[in-house]
């Protein structure tokens, strides 16, 4: 315990912990959207775009994370028109993934920069969390829950049944654009914490667990945030105690919670 207390006194660990707490507030509701809209592959498309943003940032000598955020936001908005077409979103995401990774590799090759920095986004670097990363996560931690609360009735209808939402007067098009942009930006903001390959630890897995526990959209969002906070605290603590990378530990903890939630619901049935 003394070793853990000593580690928690380090500035890098404190920034990492704060980043995880902010991420646990902002990202699980995004997972609720992914589950509700059944757009699971969007995570992979956005991860590829984030890698492209990192490559462009390294080429231009500017902040790779900010480039990743900007390009991911544009990609999310660009995908929105395909959401209303049967199979359109899946095809668009596949094309986006292919183009993004191809351009990213080309940029890295032409520029001659060290690709390790760009590919760090794939596996994360939580202990290198910067103040600017905390600001990004802080904005998301305020903005994402605020959007859900503000449009909770429209969101509940849209995530339940798009046609019913439209018939009830919900402007499904603009709302879908906003949701996809939020999803894209949130994923881009999370990759610094867990890495693009393990971003599900704070997005999808808490949402999947919350779907088995929460009732209604508000209940799911609240449950997902509570689960996300628990995963963040327990996962980081275990990673520090075991001296292991936080990303995989976070995923394992979140996965166990999701499995337990599934088992509890089956037991009740």
Protein backbone atom coordinates (compact mmCIF):
# COMPACT_ATOMS: atom_id res chain seq x y z
CA UNK A 1 0.00 0.00 0.00
CA UNK A 2 2.89 2.35 0.71
CA UNK A 3 4.19 1.79 -2.82
CA UNK A 4 0.75 2.58 -4.24
CA UNK A 5 0.52 5.75 -2.17
CA UNK A 6 3.95 6.78 -3.41
CA UNK A 7 2.93 6.18 -7.03
CA UNK A 8 -0.27 8.17 -6.54
CA UNK A 9 1.85 11.10 -5.43
CA UNK A 10 3.54 11.33 -8.84
CA UNK A 11 2.25 14.11 -11.10
CA UNK A 12 2.08 11.81 -14.14
CA UNK A 13 -0.06 9.29 -12.26
CA UNK A 14 -2.32 12.05 -10.95
CA UNK A 15 -2.86 13.39 -14.48
CA UNK A 16 -3.56 9.85 -15.69
CA UNK A 17 -6.06 9.29 -12.90
CA UNK A 18 -7.84 12.59 -13.55
CA UNK A 19 -7.92 11.81 -17.25
CA UNK A 20 -9.52 8.44 -16.57
CA UNK A 21 -12.14 9.98 -14.30
CA UNK A 22 -13.03 12.59 -16.91
CA UNK A 23 -13.06 9.91 -19.59
CA UNK A 24 -15.30 7.71 -17.45
CA UNK A 25 -17.84 10.54 -17.35
CA UNK A 26 -17.71 11.43 -21.05
CA UNK A 27 -17.16 8.14 -22.86
CA UNK A 28 -19.69 5.57 -21.54
CA UNK A 29 -22.66 7.66 -22.79
CA UNK A 30 -20.99 7.57 -26.20
CA UNK A 31 -21.02 3.80 -25.93
CA UNK A 32 -24.76 3.98 -25.27
CA UNK A 33 -25.15 5.77 -28.61
CA UNK A 34 -23.02 3.18 -30.40
CA UNK A 35 -25.12 0.36 -28.95
CA UNK A 36 -28.42 2.16 -29.58
CA UNK A 37 -27.65 3.02 -33.20
CA UNK A 38 -25.97 -0.36 -33.78
CA UNK A 39 -22.88 1.27 -35.28
CA UNK A 40 -20.20 -0.85 -33.64
CA UNK A 41 -17.79 -0.67 -36.64
CA UNK A 42 -17.66 3.13 -36.39
CA UNK A 43 -15.03 2.71 -33.66
CA UNK A 44 -12.57 1.18 -36.08
CA UNK A 45 -13.16 3.80 -38.76
CA UNK A 46 -12.54 6.61 -36.28
CA UNK A 47 -9.41 4.90 -34.94
CA UNK A 48 -7.93 4.91 -38.44
CA UNK A 49 -8.81 8.58 -38.88
CA UNK A 50 -7.18 9.36 -35.52
CA UNK A 51 -4.00 7.69 -36.77
CA UNK A 52 -4.14 9.86 -39.89
CA UNK A 53 -4.52 12.95 -37.69
CA UNK A 54 -1.47 11.93 -35.68
CA UNK A 55 0.53 11.49 -38.89
CA UNK A 56 -0.49 14.92 -40.19
CA UNK A 57 0.37 16.50 -36.84
CA UNK A 58 3.83 14.96 -36.87
CA UNK A 59 4.37 16.06 -40.47
CA UNK A 60 3.42 19.67 -39.72
CA UNK A 61 5.07 19.84 -36.32
CA UNK A 62 1.76 20.58 -34.58
CA UNK A 63 -0.22 18.73 -31.91
CA UNK A 64 -1.17 15.25 -33.24
CA UNK A 65 -4.07 14.89 -30.80
CA UNK A 66 -5.69 18.13 -31.93
CA UNK A 67 -5.36 17.02 -35.56
CA UNK A 68 -6.91 13.69 -34.64
CA UNK A 69 -9.83 15.46 -32.94
CA UNK A 70 -10.44 17.75 -35.91
CA UNK A 71 -10.28 15.03 -38.55
CA UNK A 72 -12.43 12.67 -36.48
CA UNK A 73 -15.08 15.37 -36.04
CA UNK A 74 -15.11 15.94 -39.81
CA UNK A 75 -15.30 12.20 -40.43
CA UNK A 76 -18.22 11.82 -38.02
CA UNK A 77 -20.14 14.58 -39.77
CA UNK A 78 -19.30 13.14 -43.16
CA UNK A 79 -20.62 9.70 -42.23
CA UNK A 80 -23.98 11.04 -41.04
CA UNK A 81 -25.71 11.21 -44.48
CA UNK A 82 -25.10 7.48 -44.94
CA UNK A 83 -26.82 6.57 -41.67
CA UNK A 84 -30.29 6.66 -43.24
CA UNK A 85 -29.41 4.37 -46.13
CA UNK A 86 -29.65 0.59 -45.80
CA UNK A 87 -26.11 -0.68 -45.39
CA UNK A 88 -24.80 2.73 -46.34
CA UNK A 89 -23.01 3.46 -43.09
CA UNK A 90 -21.14 0.15 -43.07
CA UNK A 91 -19.90 0.66 -46.61
CA UNK A 92 -18.90 4.26 -45.91
CA UNK A 93 -17.00 3.24 -42.79
CA UNK A 94 -15.15 0.53 -44.68
CA UNK A 95 -14.10 3.01 -47.34
CA UNK A 96 -13.10 5.56 -44.72
CA UNK A 97 -10.94 3.02 -42.86
CA UNK A 98 -9.11 1.99 -46.01
CA UNK A 99 -8.47 5.53 -47.22
CA UNK A 100 -7.46 6.86 -43.80
CA UNK A 101 -4.87 4.19 -43.10
CA UNK A 102 -3.49 4.41 -46.65
CA UNK A 103 -3.08 8.19 -46.48
CA UNK A 104 -1.62 7.96 -42.96
CA UNK A 105 1.04 5.47 -44.05
CA UNK A 106 1.80 7.57 -47.13
CA UNK A 107 2.17 10.74 -45.05
CA UNK A 108 4.52 8.98 -42.64
CA UNK A 109 6.56 7.58 -45.53
CA UNK A 110 6.84 10.83 -47.49
CA UNK A 111 7.61 12.96 -44.43
CA UNK A 112 10.27 10.60 -43.11
CA UNK A 113 9.15 11.22 -39.52
CA UNK A 114 9.35 8.55 -36.83
CA UNK A 115 6.14 6.55 -37.07
CA UNK A 116 6.35 5.34 -33.46
CA UNK A 117 4.71 8.50 -32.17
CA UNK A 118 1.75 8.10 -34.48
CA UNK A 119 1.32 4.41 -33.75
CA UNK A 120 1.43 5.10 -29.99
CA UNK A 121 -2.22 6.02 -30.47
CA UNK A 122 -2.95 2.36 -31.16
CA UNK A 123 -1.88 1.19 -27.72
CA UNK A 124 -2.11 4.37 -25.68
CA UNK A 125 0.21 6.18 -23.33
CA UNK A 126 -1.83 7.04 -20.28
CA UNK A 127 1.08 8.12 -18.10
CA UNK A 128 2.06 10.71 -20.72
CA UNK A 129 -1.32 12.44 -20.40
CA UNK A 130 -0.78 16.21 -20.77
CA UNK A 131 -2.66 19.21 -19.49
CA UNK A 132 -4.10 19.82 -22.99
CA UNK A 133 -5.42 16.25 -23.00
CA UNK A 134 -7.15 16.92 -19.68
CA UNK A 135 -8.77 20.04 -21.12
CA UNK A 136 -10.09 18.04 -24.07
CA UNK A 137 -11.47 15.35 -21.77
CA UNK A 138 -12.89 18.00 -19.44
CA UNK A 139 -14.84 19.60 -22.27
CA UNK A 140 -16.15 16.18 -23.28
CA UNK A 141 -17.04 15.32 -19.67
CA UNK A 142 -19.23 18.43 -19.53
CA UNK A 143 -20.51 18.51 -23.10
CA UNK A 144 -21.53 14.87 -23.63
CA UNK A 145 -23.72 14.52 -20.51
CA UNK A 146 -25.18 17.98 -21.18
CA UNK A 147 -26.18 16.94 -24.72
CA UNK A 148 -27.81 13.78 -23.39
CA UNK A 149 -29.76 15.68 -20.74
CA UNK A 150 -30.81 18.46 -23.11
CA UNK A 151 -32.09 16.12 -25.84
CA UNK A 152 -32.86 13.07 -23.69
CA UNK A 153 -36.43 12.64 -24.96
CA UNK A 154 -35.48 12.95 -28.63
CA UNK A 155 -32.46 10.71 -28.10
CA UNK A 156 -34.55 8.05 -26.41
CA UNK A 157 -36.91 7.96 -29.39
CA UNK A 158 -34.11 8.00 -31.96
CA UNK A 159 -32.14 5.22 -30.30
CA UNK A 160 -35.29 3.12 -29.88
CA UNK A 161 -36.81 3.54 -33.36
CA UNK A 162 -35.74 6.07 -35.96
CA UNK A 163 -39.04 5.95 -37.89
CA UNK A 164 -41.02 6.48 -34.70
CA UNK A 165 -38.77 9.40 -33.80
CA UNK A 166 -39.33 11.05 -37.21
CA UNK A 167 -43.09 10.49 -36.96
CA UNK A 168 -43.02 12.14 -33.53
CA UNK A 169 -41.40 15.28 -34.95
CA UNK A 170 -37.78 14.61 -34.03
CA UNK A 171 -35.31 16.15 -36.49
CA UNK A 172 -33.46 12.89 -36.87
CA UNK A 173 -31.00 14.11 -39.51
CA UNK A 174 -29.32 16.94 -37.55
CA UNK A 175 -29.45 14.92 -34.35
CA UNK A 176 -27.73 11.97 -36.04
CA UNK A 177 -25.01 14.30 -37.35
CA UNK A 178 -24.47 15.67 -33.85
CA UNK A 179 -24.32 12.18 -32.36
CA UNK A 180 -21.81 10.87 -34.90
CA UNK A 181 -19.60 13.94 -34.43
CA UNK A 182 -19.73 13.48 -30.65
CA UNK A 183 -18.92 9.77 -30.99
CA UNK A 184 -15.98 10.50 -33.28
CA UNK A 185 -14.53 13.29 -31.13
CA UNK A 186 -14.98 11.29 -27.93
CA UNK A 187 -13.16 8.28 -29.38
CA UNK A 188 -10.35 10.53 -30.59
CA UNK A 189 -10.13 12.07 -27.13
CA UNK A 190 -9.97 8.64 -25.49
CA UNK A 191 -7.15 7.09 -27.50
CA UNK A 192 -4.52 8.87 -25.42
CA UNK A 193 -5.81 7.07 -22.33
CA UNK A 194 -6.28 3.48 -23.44
CA UNK A 195 -5.07 3.43 -27.03
CA UNK A 196 -7.24 3.09 -30.10
CA UNK A 197 -7.20 -0.70 -29.91
CA UNK A 198 -8.50 -0.71 -26.31
CA UNK A 199 -10.81 2.29 -26.35
CA UNK A 200 -13.78 -0.02 -25.71
CA UNK A 201 -12.72 -0.14 -22.05
CA UNK A 202 -14.35 3.24 -21.45
CA UNK A 203 -16.92 3.32 -24.24
CA UNK A 204 -18.56 0.11 -25.38
CA UNK A 205 -18.07 -2.27 -22.42
CA UNK A 206 -19.61 0.00 -19.73
CA UNK A 207 -22.51 0.67 -22.11
CA UNK A 208 -23.07 -3.03 -22.72
CA UNK A 209 -23.13 -3.65 -18.97
CA UNK A 210 -25.44 -0.68 -18.41
CA UNK A 211 -27.88 -1.96 -21.02
CA UNK A 212 -28.41 -5.02 -18.84
CA UNK A 213 -28.88 -2.95 -15.67
CA UNK A 214 -30.34 0.47 -16.47
CA UNK A 215 -33.96 1.18 -17.36
CA UNK A 216 -34.60 3.68 -20.12
CA UNK A 217 -32.03 5.97 -21.71
CA UNK A 218 -31.38 8.04 -18.57
CA UNK A 219 -30.92 4.91 -16.47
CA UNK A 220 -28.51 3.43 -19.01
CA UNK A 221 -26.44 6.61 -19.20
CA UNK A 222 -26.21 6.96 -15.42
CA UNK A 223 -25.36 3.27 -14.99
CA UNK A 224 -22.73 3.44 -17.74
CA UNK A 225 -21.01 6.41 -16.09
CA UNK A 226 -21.02 4.72 -12.66
CA UNK A 227 -19.58 1.56 -14.20
CA UNK A 228 -17.01 3.58 -16.14
CA UNK A 229 -15.85 5.35 -12.98
CA UNK A 230 -15.54 2.03 -11.17
CA UNK A 231 -13.57 0.53 -14.05
CA UNK A 232 -11.26 3.56 -14.15
CA UNK A 233 -10.49 3.49 -10.42
CA UNK A 234 -10.10 -0.27 -10.08
CA UNK A 235 -8.28 -0.69 -13.40
CA UNK A 236 -5.68 2.02 -12.77
CA UNK A 237 -5.12 0.84 -9.20
CA UNK A 238 -4.55 -2.74 -10.32
CA UNK A 239 -2.23 -1.63 -13.11
CA UNK A 240 -0.11 0.35 -10.65
CA UNK A 241 -0.01 -2.44 -8.06
CA UNK A 242 0.78 -5.13 -10.64
CA UNK A 243 3.14 -2.86 -12.60
CA UNK A 244 1.33 -3.66 -15.85
CA UNK A 245 0.08 -1.47 -18.76
CA UNK A 246 -3.20 0.22 -17.75
CA UNK A 247 -4.97 -0.29 -21.10
CA UNK A 248 -5.28 -4.09 -21.02
CA UNK A 249 -6.14 -4.06 -17.30
CA UNK A 250 -8.93 -1.56 -17.91
CA UNK A 251 -10.37 -3.72 -20.69
CA UNK A 252 -10.23 -6.86 -18.53
CA UNK A 253 -11.95 -5.13 -15.60
CA UNK A 254 -14.63 -3.67 -17.89
CA UNK A 255 -15.09 -7.04 -19.57
CA UNK A 256 -15.60 -8.80 -16.24
CA UNK A 257 -18.21 -6.21 -15.23
CA UNK A 258 -20.02 -6.65 -18.56
CA UNK A 259 -20.04 -10.44 -18.14
CA UNK A 260 -21.30 -10.16 -14.57
CA UNK A 261 -24.10 -7.83 -15.67
CA UNK A 262 -25.08 -10.32 -18.36
CA UNK A 263 -25.06 -13.17 -15.83
CA UNK A 264 -27.14 -11.21 -13.32
CA UNK A 265 -29.84 -10.43 -15.88
CA UNK A 266 -29.96 -14.07 -16.99
CA UNK A 267 -30.27 -15.14 -13.38
CA UNK A 268 -33.21 -12.80 -12.88
CA UNK A 269 -34.90 -14.16 -16.00
